[in-house]
Amino acid sequence: METPDYFLFSEHYRKIFIKNYVGHSVIGVYPHERIASQKVRVHLEAWVKDEPTNDELAKTVDYDKLLEAISQALKEGAYLQEKLAENIANKSLMISGVHAVRVKTEKMEIQPHGVSVGVEIFRTHDTVKSI
């Protein structure tokens, strides 16, 4: 079930998204999950003010900064996907111009039969938790 884009309804925001970022992270609570990194898929949506950019990168959010936020959080790892998603959200919300984020993480190889397991969170500046 998809969460409605309330920020988009306000007509004051636009959404930047990164889909299917696949990286590796040491994640999991069980000993066999801590031995080596696992393949993790990340989807990130970031809401930014819908203001004229005049086709200038400096007047919008650089996708590379969002990609770096994901990369850093994956390198740090976590025991729980909930913590990994929080770390990605917090790092993304520290980027100037980002007002809200939705983060979805999936562990792609830990379950049999091609099943992925994951979490999804939505955060704004008002709900940022300390890293």
C-alpha atoms as a PDB file:
ATOM      1  CA  MET A   1       0.000   0.000   0.000  1.00  0.00           C
ATOM      2  CA  GLU A   2       1.483   3.315  -1.059  1.00  0.00           C
ATOM      3  CA  THR A   3       1.413   6.361   1.201  1.00  0.00           C
ATOM      4  CA  PRO A   4      -0.237   9.371  -0.482  1.00  0.00           C
ATOM      5  CA  ASP A   5       2.117  12.187  -1.426  1.00  0.00           C
ATOM      6  CA  TYR A   6       0.645  14.817   0.896  1.00  0.00           C
ATOM      7  CA  PHE A   7       3.560  17.136   0.267  1.00  0.00           C
ATOM      8  CA  LEU A   8       2.858  17.064  -3.457  1.00  0.00           C
ATOM      9  CA  PHE A   9      -0.791  17.933  -2.818  1.00  0.00           C
ATOM     10  CA  SER A  10       0.328  21.209  -1.254  1.00  0.00           C
ATOM     11  CA  GLU A  11       1.646  22.380  -4.660  1.00  0.00           C
ATOM     12  CA  HIS A  12       4.716  23.776  -2.890  1.00  0.00           C
ATOM     13  CA  TYR A  13       6.950  20.705  -3.130  1.00  0.00           C
ATOM     14  CA  ARG A  14       8.340  18.436  -5.781  1.00  0.00           C
ATOM     15  CA  LYS A  15       9.672  14.929  -5.276  1.00  0.00           C
ATOM     16  CA  ILE A  16      13.133  13.712  -6.207  1.00  0.00           C
ATOM     17  CA  PHE A  17      13.513   9.936  -6.203  1.00  0.00           C
ATOM     18  CA  ILE A  18      16.213   7.308  -6.329  1.00  0.00           C
ATOM     19  CA  LYS A  19      14.951   3.827  -7.159  1.00  0.00           C
ATOM     20  CA  ASN A  20      16.690   0.496  -6.949  1.00  0.00           C
ATOM     21  CA  TYR A  21      19.998   1.611  -5.447  1.00  0.00           C
ATOM     22  CA  VAL A  22      21.728  -1.701  -4.744  1.00  0.00           C
ATOM     23  CA  GLY A  23      24.708  -1.836  -2.436  1.00  0.00           C
ATOM     24  CA  HIS A  24      26.179  -4.007   0.291  1.00  0.00           C
ATOM     25  CA  SER A  25      25.993  -3.595   4.043  1.00  0.00           C
ATOM     26  CA  VAL A  26      26.719  -5.600   7.155  1.00  0.00           C
ATOM     27  CA  ILE A  27      23.211  -5.796   8.543  1.00  0.00           C
ATOM     28  CA  GLY A  28      21.342  -8.223  10.725  1.00  0.00           C
ATOM     29  CA  VAL A  29      21.076  -9.472  14.288  1.00  0.00           C
ATOM     30  CA  TYR A  30      22.034 -13.107  13.706  1.00  0.00           C
ATOM     31  CA  PRO A  31      25.686 -14.206  13.721  1.00  0.00           C
ATOM     32  CA  HIS A  32      25.502 -15.573  10.160  1.00  0.00           C
ATOM     33  CA  GLU A  33      24.333 -12.127   8.979  1.00  0.00           C
ATOM     34  CA  ARG A  34      27.323 -10.373  10.568  1.00  0.00           C
ATOM     35  CA  ILE A  35      30.003 -12.482   8.828  1.00  0.00           C
ATOM     36  CA  ALA A  36      29.858 -10.691   5.477  1.00  0.00           C
ATOM     37  CA  SER A  37      27.973  -7.881   3.826  1.00  0.00           C
ATOM     38  CA  GLN A  38      24.571  -8.517   2.286  1.00  0.00           C
ATOM     39  CA  LYS A  39      22.982  -7.105  -0.826  1.00  0.00           C
ATOM     40  CA  VAL A  40      20.556  -4.317   0.124  1.00  0.00           C
ATOM     41  CA  ARG A  41      18.182  -2.391  -2.152  1.00  0.00           C
ATOM     42  CA  VAL A  42      17.249   1.173  -1.228  1.00  0.00           C
ATOM     43  CA  HIS A  43      14.491   3.393  -2.575  1.00  0.00           C
ATOM     44  CA  LEU A  44      14.572   7.052  -1.517  1.00  0.00           C
ATOM     45  CA  GLU A  45      12.081   9.832  -2.140  1.00  0.00           C
ATOM     46  CA  ALA A  46      12.927  13.376  -1.082  1.00  0.00           C
ATOM     47  CA  TRP A  47      10.534  16.307  -1.058  1.00  0.00           C
ATOM     48  CA  VAL A  48      12.024  19.712  -1.867  1.00  0.00           C
ATOM     49  CA  LYS A  49      10.477  23.160  -2.275  1.00  0.00           C
ATOM     50  CA  ASP A  50       9.012  23.630  -5.737  1.00  0.00           C
ATOM     51  CA  GLU A  51      10.809  26.833  -6.664  1.00  0.00           C
ATOM     52  CA  PRO A  52      12.146  28.018 -10.008  1.00  0.00           C
ATOM     53  CA  THR A  53      15.647  26.682 -10.592  1.00  0.00           C
ATOM     54  CA  ASN A  54      16.544  28.633 -13.739  1.00  0.00           C
ATOM     55  CA  ASP A  55      18.253  25.410 -14.815  1.00  0.00           C
ATOM     56  CA  GLU A  56      20.953  25.875 -12.151  1.00  0.00           C
ATOM     57  CA  LEU A  57      22.116  22.959 -10.007  1.00  0.00           C
ATOM     58  CA  ALA A  58      22.882  25.292  -7.099  1.00  0.00           C
ATOM     59  CA  LYS A  59      19.157  26.097  -6.824  1.00  0.00           C
ATOM     60  CA  THR A  60      18.001  22.532  -6.312  1.00  0.00           C
ATOM     61  CA  VAL A  61      19.089  19.374  -4.486  1.00  0.00           C
ATOM     62  CA  ASP A  62      21.980  17.515  -6.115  1.00  0.00           C
ATOM     63  CA  TYR A  63      21.112  13.821  -6.578  1.00  0.00           C
ATOM     64  CA  ASP A  64      24.735  12.945  -5.840  1.00  0.00           C
ATOM     65  CA  LYS A  65      24.311  14.197  -2.265  1.00  0.00           C
ATOM     66  CA  LEU A  66      21.362  11.849  -1.767  1.00  0.00           C
ATOM     67  CA  LEU A  67      23.330   8.974  -3.277  1.00  0.00           C
ATOM     68  CA  GLU A  68      26.210   9.748  -0.906  1.00  0.00           C
ATOM     69  CA  ALA A  69      23.814   9.685   2.074  1.00  0.00           C
ATOM     70  CA  ILE A  70      22.713   6.184   1.081  1.00  0.00           C
ATOM     71  CA  SER A  71      26.275   5.033   0.465  1.00  0.00           C
ATOM     72  CA  GLN A  72      27.519   6.302   3.834  1.00  0.00           C
ATOM     73  CA  ALA A  73      24.680   4.649   5.752  1.00  0.00           C
ATOM     74  CA  LEU A  74      25.283   1.319   3.977  1.00  0.00           C
ATOM     75  CA  LYS A  75      29.000   1.492   4.833  1.00  0.00           C
ATOM     76  CA  GLU A  76      28.157   2.098   8.509  1.00  0.00           C
ATOM     77  CA  GLY A  77      25.821  -0.911   8.625  1.00  0.00           C
ATOM     78  CA  ALA A  78      23.275  -1.656  11.349  1.00  0.00           C
ATOM     79  CA  TYR A  79      21.736  -4.519  13.265  1.00  0.00           C
ATOM     80  CA  LEU A  80      18.198  -3.661  12.167  1.00  0.00           C
ATOM     81  CA  GLN A  81      16.846  -2.388   8.872  1.00  0.00           C
ATOM     82  CA  GLU A  82      14.828   0.112  10.871  1.00  0.00           C
ATOM     83  CA  LYS A  83      18.094   1.694  12.042  1.00  0.00           C
ATOM     84  CA  LEU A  84      19.571   1.635   8.538  1.00  0.00           C
ATOM     85  CA  ALA A  85      16.478   3.400   7.166  1.00  0.00           C
ATOM     86  CA  GLU A  86      16.632   5.977   9.994  1.00  0.00           C
ATOM     87  CA  ASN A  87      20.299   6.648   9.253  1.00  0.00           C
ATOM     88  CA  ILE A  88      19.571   7.184   5.550  1.00  0.00           C
ATOM     89  CA  ALA A  89      16.648   9.478   6.426  1.00  0.00           C
ATOM     90  CA  ASN A  90      18.704  11.521   8.898  1.00  0.00           C
ATOM     91  CA  LYS A  91      21.610  11.938   6.492  1.00  0.00           C
ATOM     92  CA  SER A  92      19.231  12.945   3.687  1.00  0.00           C
ATOM     93  CA  LEU A  93      17.386  15.471   5.849  1.00  0.00           C
ATOM     94  CA  MET A  94      20.705  17.152   6.683  1.00  0.00           C
ATOM     95  CA  ILE A  95      21.050  18.090   3.001  1.00  0.00           C
ATOM     96  CA  SER A  96      20.017  21.685   2.429  1.00  0.00           C
ATOM     97  CA  GLY A  97      16.649  21.907   0.693  1.00  0.00           C
ATOM     98  CA  VAL A  98      15.330  18.460   1.695  1.00  0.00           C
ATOM     99  CA  HIS A  99      12.150  18.813   3.773  1.00  0.00           C
ATOM    100  CA  ALA A 100      10.890  15.229   3.984  1.00  0.00           C
ATOM    101  CA  VAL A 101      11.964  11.737   2.922  1.00  0.00           C
ATOM    102  CA  ARG A 102      10.552   8.280   2.446  1.00  0.00           C
ATOM    103  CA  VAL A 103      13.118   5.480   2.715  1.00  0.00           C
ATOM    104  CA  LYS A 104      12.538   1.828   1.882  1.00  0.00           C
ATOM    105  CA  THR A 105      15.230  -0.793   2.470  1.00  0.00           C
ATOM    106  CA  GLU A 106      15.212  -4.444   1.447  1.00  0.00           C
ATOM    107  CA  LYS A 107      17.565  -7.273   2.348  1.00  0.00           C
ATOM    108  CA  MET A 108      17.625  -9.144  -0.932  1.00  0.00           C
ATOM    109  CA  GLU A 109      19.414 -12.423  -0.247  1.00  0.00           C
ATOM    110  CA  ILE A 110      18.807 -13.471   3.357  1.00  0.00           C
ATOM    111  CA  GLN A 111      15.547 -15.362   2.716  1.00  0.00           C
ATOM    112  CA  PRO A 112      15.085 -18.311   0.352  1.00  0.00           C
ATOM    113  CA  HIS A 113      13.023 -18.366  -2.850  1.00  0.00           C
ATOM    114  CA  GLY A 114      14.052 -14.865  -3.973  1.00  0.00           C
ATOM    115  CA  VAL A 115      12.103 -13.229  -1.148  1.00  0.00           C
ATOM    116  CA  SER A 116      13.241  -9.799  -0.014  1.00  0.00           C
ATOM    117  CA  VAL A 117      12.356  -8.399   3.402  1.00  0.00           C
ATOM    118  CA  GLY A 118      12.373  -4.769   4.401  1.00  0.00           C
ATOM    119  CA  VAL A 119      11.028  -1.683   6.055  1.00  0.00           C
ATOM    120  CA  GLU A 120       9.718   1.684   4.897  1.00  0.00           C
ATOM    121  CA  ILE A 121       9.698   4.945   6.858  1.00  0.00           C
ATOM    122  CA  PHE A 122       8.627   8.531   6.253  1.00  0.00           C
ATOM    123  CA  ARG A 123      10.383  11.381   8.051  1.00  0.00           C
ATOM    124  CA  THR A 124      10.303  15.174   8.082  1.00  0.00           C
ATOM    125  CA  HIS A 125      12.585  17.642   9.812  1.00  0.00           C
ATOM    126  CA  ASP A 126      10.158  17.504  12.760  1.00  0.00           C
ATOM    127  CA  THR A 127      10.583  13.732  13.155  1.00  0.00           C
ATOM    128  CA  VAL A 128      14.357  13.393  12.719  1.00  0.00           C
ATOM    129  CA  LYS A 129      15.890  11.075  15.291  1.00  0.00           C
ATOM    130  CA  SER A 130      19.463  11.331  16.445  1.00  0.00           C
ATOM    131  CA  ILE A 131      21.913   9.065  14.672  1.00  0.00           C
END
